[in-house]
Amino acid sequence: MVYVPAQLSEQRMSTLPVYQAHALHVADPPPHHRDPFDRLLVAQSQIEGIPIITADEQLRLYDVEIRWAGRRKVRRR
């Protein structure tokens, strides 16, 4: 119960409520992703003009700014 609030404060981030406009916009983007929560993140990103922090490759298919949170792939020779 302490970790998330501490990280939000440390990273100078805030939470974003789910507004009716976000919920209604879930049906608009193309169906690249079937997970309703991820589609909600896409809708919020598009409406609010904010990036998504994710490690989900599928979300790169949408017209949103992505901040990559996954492990960097190491190219092997």
N, C-alpha and C. Protein backbone atom coordinates (compact mmCIF):
# COMPACT_ATOMS: atom_id res chain seq x y z
N MET A 1 0.81 -1.20 0.00
CA MET A 1 0.00 0.00 0.00
C MET A 1 0.86 1.27 0.00
N VAL A 2 2.14 1.12 0.22
CA VAL A 2 3.02 2.28 0.29
C VAL A 2 3.82 2.45 -1.00
N TYR A 3 4.12 1.34 -1.68
CA TYR A 3 5.02 1.37 -2.84
C TYR A 3 4.50 2.28 -3.96
N VAL A 4 3.27 2.08 -4.39
CA VAL A 4 2.75 2.85 -5.52
C VAL A 4 2.69 4.34 -5.21
N PRO A 5 2.12 4.78 -4.10
CA PRO A 5 2.14 6.21 -3.80
C PRO A 5 3.56 6.78 -3.72
N ALA A 6 4.49 6.01 -3.17
CA ALA A 6 5.87 6.48 -3.07
C ALA A 6 6.48 6.65 -4.46
N GLN A 7 6.23 5.68 -5.35
CA GLN A 7 6.77 5.77 -6.70
C GLN A 7 6.14 6.92 -7.49
N LEU A 8 4.85 7.13 -7.32
CA LEU A 8 4.18 8.25 -7.98
C LEU A 8 4.83 9.57 -7.55
N SER A 9 5.08 9.70 -6.27
CA SER A 9 5.69 10.92 -5.74
C SER A 9 7.13 11.07 -6.25
N GLU A 10 7.89 9.98 -6.17
CA GLU A 10 9.29 10.02 -6.58
C GLU A 10 9.44 10.34 -8.07
N GLN A 11 8.56 9.80 -8.89
CA GLN A 11 8.63 9.99 -10.34
C GLN A 11 7.86 11.24 -10.80
N ARG A 12 7.27 11.94 -9.84
CA ARG A 12 6.46 13.13 -10.14
C ARG A 12 5.34 12.80 -11.14
N MET A 13 4.64 11.72 -10.85
CA MET A 13 3.53 11.27 -11.68
C MET A 13 2.24 11.38 -10.89
N SER A 14 1.14 11.39 -11.60
CA SER A 14 -0.17 11.38 -10.94
C SER A 14 -1.06 10.35 -11.61
N THR A 15 -2.11 10.01 -10.93
CA THR A 15 -3.06 9.05 -11.49
C THR A 15 -4.03 9.77 -12.43
N LEU A 16 -4.64 9.01 -13.33
CA LEU A 16 -5.60 9.56 -14.27
C LEU A 16 -6.93 8.83 -14.10
N PRO A 17 -7.98 9.52 -13.70
CA PRO A 17 -9.28 8.88 -13.57
C PRO A 17 -9.80 8.41 -14.93
N VAL A 18 -10.70 7.46 -14.90
CA VAL A 18 -11.37 7.01 -16.12
C VAL A 18 -12.64 7.84 -16.27
N TYR A 19 -12.66 8.64 -17.31
CA TYR A 19 -13.84 9.48 -17.59
C TYR A 19 -14.74 8.79 -18.62
N GLN A 20 -15.96 9.24 -18.70
CA GLN A 20 -16.92 8.67 -19.64
C GLN A 20 -16.39 8.76 -21.08
N ALA A 21 -15.74 9.86 -21.43
CA ALA A 21 -15.18 10.01 -22.78
C ALA A 21 -14.16 8.93 -23.08
N HIS A 22 -13.37 8.54 -22.08
CA HIS A 22 -12.39 7.47 -22.27
C HIS A 22 -13.11 6.16 -22.56
N ALA A 23 -14.10 5.85 -21.75
CA ALA A 23 -14.85 4.59 -21.91
C ALA A 23 -15.54 4.52 -23.27
N LEU A 24 -16.11 5.62 -23.70
CA LEU A 24 -16.80 5.63 -24.99
C LEU A 24 -15.83 5.50 -26.16
N HIS A 25 -14.61 6.00 -26.00
CA HIS A 25 -13.61 5.97 -27.07
C HIS A 25 -12.98 4.58 -27.26
N VAL A 26 -13.17 3.68 -26.31
CA VAL A 26 -12.59 2.34 -26.38
C VAL A 26 -12.99 1.62 -27.68
N ALA A 27 -14.17 1.88 -28.18
CA ALA A 27 -14.64 1.20 -29.39
C ALA A 27 -14.08 1.80 -30.68
N ASP A 28 -13.47 2.98 -30.62
CA ASP A 28 -13.03 3.67 -31.84
C ASP A 28 -11.73 3.15 -32.47
N PRO A 29 -10.66 2.90 -31.72
CA PRO A 29 -9.42 2.46 -32.35
C PRO A 29 -9.58 1.09 -33.02
N PRO A 30 -8.74 0.79 -34.01
CA PRO A 30 -8.82 -0.52 -34.67
C PRO A 30 -8.57 -1.65 -33.66
N PRO A 31 -9.08 -2.83 -33.95
CA PRO A 31 -8.99 -3.94 -32.98
C PRO A 31 -7.65 -4.67 -32.99
N HIS A 32 -6.54 -3.95 -32.83
CA HIS A 32 -5.23 -4.59 -32.76
C HIS A 32 -5.09 -5.39 -31.47
N HIS A 33 -5.82 -4.99 -30.46
CA HIS A 33 -5.68 -5.59 -29.14
C HIS A 33 -7.07 -5.87 -28.59
N ARG A 34 -7.29 -7.05 -28.08
CA ARG A 34 -8.63 -7.41 -27.59
C ARG A 34 -8.80 -7.17 -26.10
N ASP A 35 -7.71 -6.89 -25.39
CA ASP A 35 -7.79 -6.67 -23.95
C ASP A 35 -8.48 -5.33 -23.69
N PRO A 36 -9.64 -5.34 -23.02
CA PRO A 36 -10.38 -4.09 -22.82
C PRO A 36 -9.61 -3.06 -21.98
N PHE A 37 -8.81 -3.50 -21.02
CA PHE A 37 -8.05 -2.55 -20.22
C PHE A 37 -6.99 -1.86 -21.07
N ASP A 38 -6.31 -2.62 -21.91
CA ASP A 38 -5.31 -2.00 -22.79
C ASP A 38 -5.95 -1.04 -23.78
N ARG A 39 -7.13 -1.39 -24.27
CA ARG A 39 -7.85 -0.48 -25.18
C ARG A 39 -8.24 0.80 -24.43
N LEU A 40 -8.54 0.68 -23.14
CA LEU A 40 -8.84 1.86 -22.33
C LEU A 40 -7.60 2.74 -22.20
N LEU A 41 -6.43 2.13 -22.01
CA LEU A 41 -5.19 2.90 -21.96
C LEU A 41 -4.94 3.65 -23.26
N VAL A 42 -5.21 2.99 -24.39
CA VAL A 42 -5.06 3.63 -25.70
C VAL A 42 -6.03 4.80 -25.81
N ALA A 43 -7.27 4.60 -25.40
CA ALA A 43 -8.27 5.68 -25.46
C ALA A 43 -7.84 6.86 -24.60
N GLN A 44 -7.36 6.60 -23.39
CA GLN A 44 -6.91 7.68 -22.52
C GLN A 44 -5.72 8.41 -23.15
N SER A 45 -4.80 7.67 -23.70
CA SER A 45 -3.62 8.27 -24.33
C SER A 45 -4.02 9.18 -25.48
N GLN A 46 -4.94 8.71 -26.31
CA GLN A 46 -5.36 9.49 -27.46
C GLN A 46 -6.15 10.74 -27.06
N ILE A 47 -7.05 10.60 -26.13
CA ILE A 47 -7.88 11.74 -25.71
C ILE A 47 -7.06 12.77 -24.93
N GLU A 48 -6.22 12.30 -24.02
CA GLU A 48 -5.47 13.20 -23.15
C GLU A 48 -4.15 13.68 -23.77
N GLY A 49 -3.72 13.02 -24.84
CA GLY A 49 -2.46 13.39 -25.48
C GLY A 49 -1.25 13.07 -24.62
N ILE A 50 -1.31 11.93 -23.93
CA ILE A 50 -0.22 11.52 -23.05
C ILE A 50 0.33 10.17 -23.52
N PRO A 51 1.61 9.88 -23.22
CA PRO A 51 2.18 8.60 -23.63
C PRO A 51 1.71 7.44 -22.75
N ILE A 52 1.86 6.25 -23.28
CA ILE A 52 1.59 5.03 -22.52
C ILE A 52 2.94 4.42 -22.15
N ILE A 53 3.09 4.07 -20.89
CA ILE A 53 4.28 3.36 -20.44
C ILE A 53 3.91 1.88 -20.46
N THR A 54 4.58 1.11 -21.32
CA THR A 54 4.19 -0.29 -21.49
C THR A 54 5.35 -1.14 -21.99
N ALA A 55 5.19 -2.44 -21.83
CA ALA A 55 6.11 -3.41 -22.41
C ALA A 55 5.35 -4.29 -23.40
N ASP A 56 4.14 -3.88 -23.74
CA ASP A 56 3.28 -4.64 -24.63
C ASP A 56 3.52 -4.22 -26.08
N GLU A 57 4.12 -5.11 -26.86
CA GLU A 57 4.44 -4.82 -28.26
C GLU A 57 3.20 -4.47 -29.08
N GLN A 58 2.06 -5.07 -28.76
CA GLN A 58 0.82 -4.84 -29.51
C GLN A 58 0.40 -3.37 -29.50
N LEU A 59 0.69 -2.66 -28.42
CA LEU A 59 0.25 -1.28 -28.31
C LEU A 59 1.00 -0.36 -29.27
N ARG A 60 2.13 -0.84 -29.80
CA ARG A 60 2.87 -0.06 -30.79
C ARG A 60 2.09 0.09 -32.09
N LEU A 61 1.08 -0.74 -32.29
CA LEU A 61 0.27 -0.69 -33.52
C LEU A 61 -0.71 0.49 -33.53
N TYR A 62 -0.93 1.09 -32.38
CA TYR A 62 -1.88 2.21 -32.28
C TYR A 62 -1.19 3.55 -32.49
N ASP A 63 -1.98 4.54 -32.79
CA ASP A 63 -1.48 5.90 -32.98
C ASP A 63 -1.37 6.58 -31.61
N VAL A 64 -0.38 6.14 -30.83
CA VAL A 64 -0.11 6.69 -29.50
C VAL A 64 1.40 6.75 -29.29
N GLU A 65 1.81 7.64 -28.40
CA GLU A 65 3.22 7.70 -28.03
C GLU A 65 3.49 6.63 -26.98
N ILE A 66 4.53 5.84 -27.21
CA ILE A 66 4.89 4.76 -26.29
C ILE A 66 6.19 5.10 -25.58
N ARG A 67 6.21 4.92 -24.27
CA ARG A 67 7.43 4.95 -23.48
C ARG A 67 7.70 3.50 -23.10
N TRP A 68 8.74 2.93 -23.67
CA TRP A 68 9.01 1.51 -23.51
C TRP A 68 9.43 1.19 -22.08
N ALA A 69 8.79 0.19 -21.48
CA ALA A 69 9.09 -0.21 -20.12
C ALA A 69 9.60 -1.65 -20.05
N GLY A 70 9.79 -2.26 -21.19
CA GLY A 70 10.24 -3.65 -21.21
C GLY A 70 11.75 -3.76 -21.22
N ARG A 71 12.19 -4.96 -21.19
CA ARG A 71 13.62 -5.22 -21.28
C ARG A 71 14.09 -4.93 -22.69
N ARG A 72 15.25 -4.37 -22.79
CA ARG A 72 15.84 -4.12 -24.10
C ARG A 72 16.30 -5.44 -24.68
N LYS A 73 15.98 -5.65 -25.95
CA LYS A 73 16.40 -6.87 -26.61
C LYS A 73 17.87 -6.76 -27.00
N VAL A 74 18.59 -7.79 -26.67
CA VAL A 74 20.01 -7.84 -26.99
C VAL A 74 20.18 -8.63 -28.27
N ARG A 75 20.81 -8.00 -29.26
CA ARG A 75 21.05 -8.71 -30.51
C ARG A 75 22.28 -9.58 -30.34
N ARG A 76 22.11 -10.84 -30.69
CA ARG A 76 23.22 -11.78 -30.58
C ARG A 76 23.82 -12.00 -31.96
N ARG A 77 25.11 -12.15 -31.98
CA ARG A 77 25.80 -12.37 -33.26
C ARG A 77 26.01 -13.83 -33.49
